[in-house]
N, C-alpha and C. Protein backbone atom coordinates (compact mmCIF):
# COMPACT_ATOMS: atom_id res chain seq x y z
N MET A 1 -72.62 20.51 -18.87
CA MET A 1 -73.83 20.87 -18.15
C MET A 1 -73.46 21.79 -16.98
N GLY A 2 -74.20 22.87 -16.82
CA GLY A 2 -73.90 23.85 -15.78
C GLY A 2 -74.48 23.46 -14.43
N ARG A 3 -74.23 24.30 -13.49
CA ARG A 3 -74.76 24.08 -12.15
C ARG A 3 -76.25 24.38 -12.13
N GLY A 4 -76.96 23.74 -11.21
CA GLY A 4 -78.38 24.00 -11.06
C GLY A 4 -78.62 25.28 -10.28
N LYS A 5 -79.81 25.83 -10.42
CA LYS A 5 -80.15 27.04 -9.69
C LYS A 5 -80.35 26.71 -8.22
N ILE A 6 -80.00 27.69 -7.36
CA ILE A 6 -80.26 27.53 -5.94
C ILE A 6 -81.30 28.56 -5.53
N VAL A 7 -82.02 28.23 -4.50
CA VAL A 7 -83.00 29.16 -3.96
C VAL A 7 -82.26 30.14 -3.06
N ILE A 8 -82.44 31.43 -3.31
CA ILE A 8 -81.78 32.45 -2.50
C ILE A 8 -82.66 32.75 -1.29
N ARG A 9 -82.20 32.29 -0.17
CA ARG A 9 -82.88 32.55 1.10
C ARG A 9 -81.86 32.45 2.21
N ARG A 10 -82.23 32.90 3.39
CA ARG A 10 -81.32 32.88 4.54
C ARG A 10 -80.97 31.44 4.89
N ILE A 11 -79.68 31.21 5.17
CA ILE A 11 -79.22 29.89 5.59
C ILE A 11 -79.42 29.79 7.10
N ASP A 12 -80.17 28.80 7.54
CA ASP A 12 -80.51 28.68 8.95
C ASP A 12 -79.33 28.24 9.82
N ASN A 13 -78.52 27.31 9.33
CA ASN A 13 -77.39 26.80 10.09
C ASN A 13 -76.28 27.86 10.11
N SER A 14 -75.89 28.30 11.31
CA SER A 14 -74.92 29.40 11.42
C SER A 14 -73.54 29.04 10.88
N THR A 15 -73.12 27.79 11.04
CA THR A 15 -71.83 27.37 10.51
C THR A 15 -71.84 27.40 8.99
N SER A 16 -72.88 26.84 8.40
CA SER A 16 -73.01 26.86 6.94
C SER A 16 -73.11 28.28 6.41
N ARG A 17 -73.82 29.13 7.15
CA ARG A 17 -73.99 30.52 6.75
C ARG A 17 -72.64 31.23 6.74
N GLN A 18 -71.81 30.98 7.76
CA GLN A 18 -70.49 31.62 7.84
C GLN A 18 -69.56 31.12 6.74
N VAL A 19 -69.60 29.83 6.46
CA VAL A 19 -68.78 29.27 5.38
C VAL A 19 -69.19 29.87 4.04
N THR A 20 -70.49 29.94 3.80
CA THR A 20 -71.00 30.52 2.56
C THR A 20 -70.61 31.99 2.44
N PHE A 21 -70.74 32.72 3.54
CA PHE A 21 -70.36 34.14 3.55
C PHE A 21 -68.88 34.29 3.18
N SER A 22 -68.02 33.50 3.79
CA SER A 22 -66.58 33.60 3.52
C SER A 22 -66.25 33.30 2.06
N LYS A 23 -66.86 32.25 1.52
CA LYS A 23 -66.59 31.88 0.13
C LYS A 23 -67.11 32.95 -0.83
N ARG A 24 -68.32 33.42 -0.59
CA ARG A 24 -68.90 34.43 -1.49
C ARG A 24 -68.19 35.77 -1.36
N ARG A 25 -67.78 36.11 -0.15
CA ARG A 25 -67.01 37.34 0.06
C ARG A 25 -65.71 37.29 -0.73
N SER A 26 -65.01 36.19 -0.62
CA SER A 26 -63.75 36.03 -1.37
C SER A 26 -63.98 36.15 -2.87
N GLY A 27 -65.03 35.50 -3.35
CA GLY A 27 -65.35 35.56 -4.78
C GLY A 27 -65.71 36.96 -5.23
N LEU A 28 -66.48 37.67 -4.42
CA LEU A 28 -66.89 39.03 -4.76
C LEU A 28 -65.68 39.97 -4.80
N LEU A 29 -64.80 39.87 -3.81
CA LEU A 29 -63.62 40.71 -3.79
C LEU A 29 -62.69 40.39 -4.96
N LYS A 30 -62.59 39.11 -5.31
CA LYS A 30 -61.77 38.71 -6.46
C LYS A 30 -62.34 39.32 -7.75
N LYS A 31 -63.66 39.26 -7.91
CA LYS A 31 -64.30 39.83 -9.10
C LYS A 31 -64.11 41.35 -9.16
N ALA A 32 -64.15 42.01 -8.01
CA ALA A 32 -63.93 43.46 -7.97
C ALA A 32 -62.52 43.79 -8.44
N LYS A 33 -61.53 43.02 -7.97
CA LYS A 33 -60.15 43.24 -8.40
C LYS A 33 -60.00 43.01 -9.90
N GLU A 34 -60.61 41.94 -10.40
CA GLU A 34 -60.54 41.64 -11.83
C GLU A 34 -61.17 42.75 -12.66
N LEU A 35 -62.32 43.24 -12.22
CA LEU A 35 -63.01 44.31 -12.94
C LEU A 35 -62.13 45.56 -13.01
N ALA A 36 -61.49 45.90 -11.90
CA ALA A 36 -60.62 47.07 -11.87
C ALA A 36 -59.45 46.91 -12.83
N ILE A 37 -58.87 45.72 -12.88
CA ILE A 37 -57.70 45.49 -13.75
C ILE A 37 -58.11 45.39 -15.21
N LEU A 38 -59.08 44.54 -15.51
CA LEU A 38 -59.45 44.28 -16.89
C LEU A 38 -60.07 45.48 -17.59
N CYS A 39 -60.88 46.23 -16.87
CA CYS A 39 -61.64 47.32 -17.50
C CYS A 39 -61.11 48.70 -17.13
N ASP A 40 -60.01 48.75 -16.38
CA ASP A 40 -59.43 50.02 -15.94
C ASP A 40 -60.51 50.87 -15.28
N ALA A 41 -61.28 50.23 -14.39
CA ALA A 41 -62.41 50.90 -13.74
C ALA A 41 -62.06 51.25 -12.30
N ASP A 42 -62.71 52.29 -11.79
CA ASP A 42 -62.61 52.62 -10.38
C ASP A 42 -63.63 51.76 -9.64
N VAL A 43 -63.15 50.89 -8.76
CA VAL A 43 -64.02 49.94 -8.09
C VAL A 43 -63.83 50.05 -6.59
N GLY A 44 -64.93 50.06 -5.88
CA GLY A 44 -64.90 50.03 -4.42
C GLY A 44 -65.98 49.11 -3.90
N VAL A 45 -65.63 48.24 -2.97
CA VAL A 45 -66.58 47.30 -2.38
C VAL A 45 -66.42 47.36 -0.86
N ILE A 46 -67.53 47.50 -0.17
CA ILE A 46 -67.53 47.47 1.30
C ILE A 46 -68.52 46.40 1.72
N ILE A 47 -68.06 45.48 2.58
CA ILE A 47 -68.91 44.39 3.05
C ILE A 47 -68.84 44.36 4.57
N PHE A 48 -70.01 44.30 5.21
CA PHE A 48 -70.08 44.11 6.65
C PHE A 48 -70.67 42.74 6.92
N SER A 49 -70.01 41.96 7.76
CA SER A 49 -70.53 40.64 8.12
C SER A 49 -71.66 40.80 9.13
N SER A 50 -72.30 39.69 9.46
CA SER A 50 -73.39 39.73 10.45
C SER A 50 -72.86 40.09 11.84
N THR A 51 -71.55 39.95 12.04
CA THR A 51 -70.94 40.34 13.31
C THR A 51 -70.31 41.74 13.22
N SER A 52 -70.67 42.48 12.18
CA SER A 52 -70.23 43.86 11.94
C SER A 52 -68.74 43.98 11.64
N LYS A 53 -68.12 42.91 11.18
CA LYS A 53 -66.73 42.98 10.76
C LYS A 53 -66.69 43.56 9.34
N LEU A 54 -65.73 44.45 9.11
CA LEU A 54 -65.62 45.15 7.84
C LEU A 54 -64.63 44.45 6.92
N TYR A 55 -65.02 44.27 5.67
CA TYR A 55 -64.15 43.78 4.61
C TYR A 55 -64.28 44.77 3.47
N GLU A 56 -63.15 45.13 2.85
CA GLU A 56 -63.23 46.13 1.79
C GLU A 56 -62.17 45.91 0.74
N TYR A 57 -62.47 46.44 -0.44
CA TYR A 57 -61.50 46.51 -1.54
C TYR A 57 -61.72 47.82 -2.25
N SER A 58 -60.64 48.47 -2.61
CA SER A 58 -60.77 49.66 -3.44
C SER A 58 -59.58 49.72 -4.39
N SER A 59 -59.88 50.04 -5.64
CA SER A 59 -58.80 50.23 -6.60
C SER A 59 -58.07 51.51 -6.20
N THR A 60 -56.87 51.66 -6.69
CA THR A 60 -56.03 52.77 -6.23
C THR A 60 -56.64 54.14 -6.51
N ARG A 61 -57.42 54.26 -7.57
CA ARG A 61 -57.96 55.56 -7.93
C ARG A 61 -59.32 55.84 -7.30
N ILE A 62 -59.90 54.90 -6.61
CA ILE A 62 -61.26 55.10 -6.10
C ILE A 62 -61.32 56.21 -5.05
N ILE A 63 -60.27 56.34 -4.25
CA ILE A 63 -60.27 57.38 -3.22
C ILE A 63 -60.34 58.76 -3.86
N SER A 64 -59.55 58.99 -4.90
CA SER A 64 -59.61 60.29 -5.58
C SER A 64 -60.96 60.50 -6.25
N SER A 65 -61.55 59.43 -6.77
CA SER A 65 -62.88 59.54 -7.40
C SER A 65 -63.94 59.90 -6.36
N VAL A 66 -63.87 59.27 -5.20
CA VAL A 66 -64.83 59.56 -4.13
C VAL A 66 -64.64 60.99 -3.64
N ASN A 67 -63.39 61.39 -3.46
CA ASN A 67 -63.13 62.77 -3.03
C ASN A 67 -63.63 63.78 -4.05
N ARG A 68 -63.41 63.49 -5.34
CA ARG A 68 -63.88 64.39 -6.40
C ARG A 68 -65.40 64.49 -6.38
N ARG A 69 -66.08 63.34 -6.25
CA ARG A 69 -67.55 63.33 -6.23
C ARG A 69 -68.09 64.04 -4.99
N THR A 70 -67.43 63.83 -3.86
CA THR A 70 -67.84 64.49 -2.62
C THR A 70 -67.70 66.00 -2.75
N SER A 71 -66.61 66.45 -3.36
CA SER A 71 -66.41 67.89 -3.57
C SER A 71 -67.50 68.47 -4.45
N ILE A 72 -67.89 67.74 -5.49
CA ILE A 72 -68.97 68.20 -6.38
C ILE A 72 -70.28 68.30 -5.61
N LEU A 73 -70.58 67.28 -4.80
CA LEU A 73 -71.82 67.30 -4.02
C LEU A 73 -71.84 68.45 -3.03
N ILE A 74 -70.71 68.70 -2.38
CA ILE A 74 -70.63 69.81 -1.42
C ILE A 74 -70.83 71.13 -2.15
N ALA A 75 -70.21 71.29 -3.32
CA ALA A 75 -70.37 72.52 -4.09
C ALA A 75 -71.83 72.70 -4.52
N GLU A 76 -72.47 71.63 -5.00
CA GLU A 76 -73.87 71.71 -5.41
C GLU A 76 -74.76 72.06 -4.23
N THR A 77 -74.49 71.47 -3.08
CA THR A 77 -75.27 71.75 -1.88
C THR A 77 -75.10 73.21 -1.46
N SER A 78 -73.88 73.72 -1.56
CA SER A 78 -73.62 75.12 -1.21
C SER A 78 -74.38 76.07 -2.11
N VAL A 79 -74.42 75.78 -3.41
CA VAL A 79 -75.14 76.63 -4.36
C VAL A 79 -76.63 76.62 -4.04
N VAL A 80 -77.19 75.46 -3.79
CA VAL A 80 -78.61 75.36 -3.45
C VAL A 80 -78.89 76.09 -2.15
N SER A 81 -78.00 75.98 -1.17
CA SER A 81 -78.19 76.67 0.10
C SER A 81 -78.18 78.18 -0.08
N VAL A 82 -77.30 78.69 -0.92
CA VAL A 82 -77.23 80.13 -1.18
C VAL A 82 -78.54 80.60 -1.80
N PHE A 83 -79.05 79.88 -2.79
CA PHE A 83 -80.32 80.25 -3.41
C PHE A 83 -81.46 80.16 -2.41
N HIS A 84 -81.45 79.14 -1.58
CA HIS A 84 -82.53 78.94 -0.61
C HIS A 84 -82.55 80.08 0.41
N TYR A 85 -81.39 80.42 0.96
CA TYR A 85 -81.34 81.44 2.00
C TYR A 85 -81.54 82.85 1.45
N SER A 86 -81.23 83.06 0.18
CA SER A 86 -81.41 84.40 -0.39
C SER A 86 -82.84 84.61 -0.89
N GLY A 87 -83.64 83.55 -0.87
CA GLY A 87 -85.02 83.68 -1.30
C GLY A 87 -85.23 83.50 -2.78
N ASN A 88 -84.18 83.21 -3.53
CA ASN A 88 -84.31 82.99 -4.98
C ASN A 88 -84.87 81.60 -5.24
N LYS A 89 -85.59 81.47 -6.34
CA LYS A 89 -86.15 80.17 -6.72
C LYS A 89 -85.24 79.49 -7.72
N LEU A 90 -85.13 78.18 -7.58
CA LEU A 90 -84.40 77.40 -8.57
C LEU A 90 -85.39 76.89 -9.60
N ASP A 91 -85.11 77.07 -10.89
CA ASP A 91 -86.01 76.58 -11.93
C ASP A 91 -85.65 75.20 -12.33
């Protein structure tokens, strides 16, 4: 028999909320690592706590993937800007 469903809502008790955050954060980061290994996927996770503390995981190739995607977006933006400033219409 599996676990019962829980109602997803804010936990009022701050201690319980912090404990739950820590456990779920650990589980999420573990799953991200497993996904990267098992599926050879580029995985990146960024988590900010309620106190603005940063927790992150990234597979080794995610930085190059983000840089590649950023370069593509910059190139696309440059092309659109050239058309916009020259008065040409994009179809």
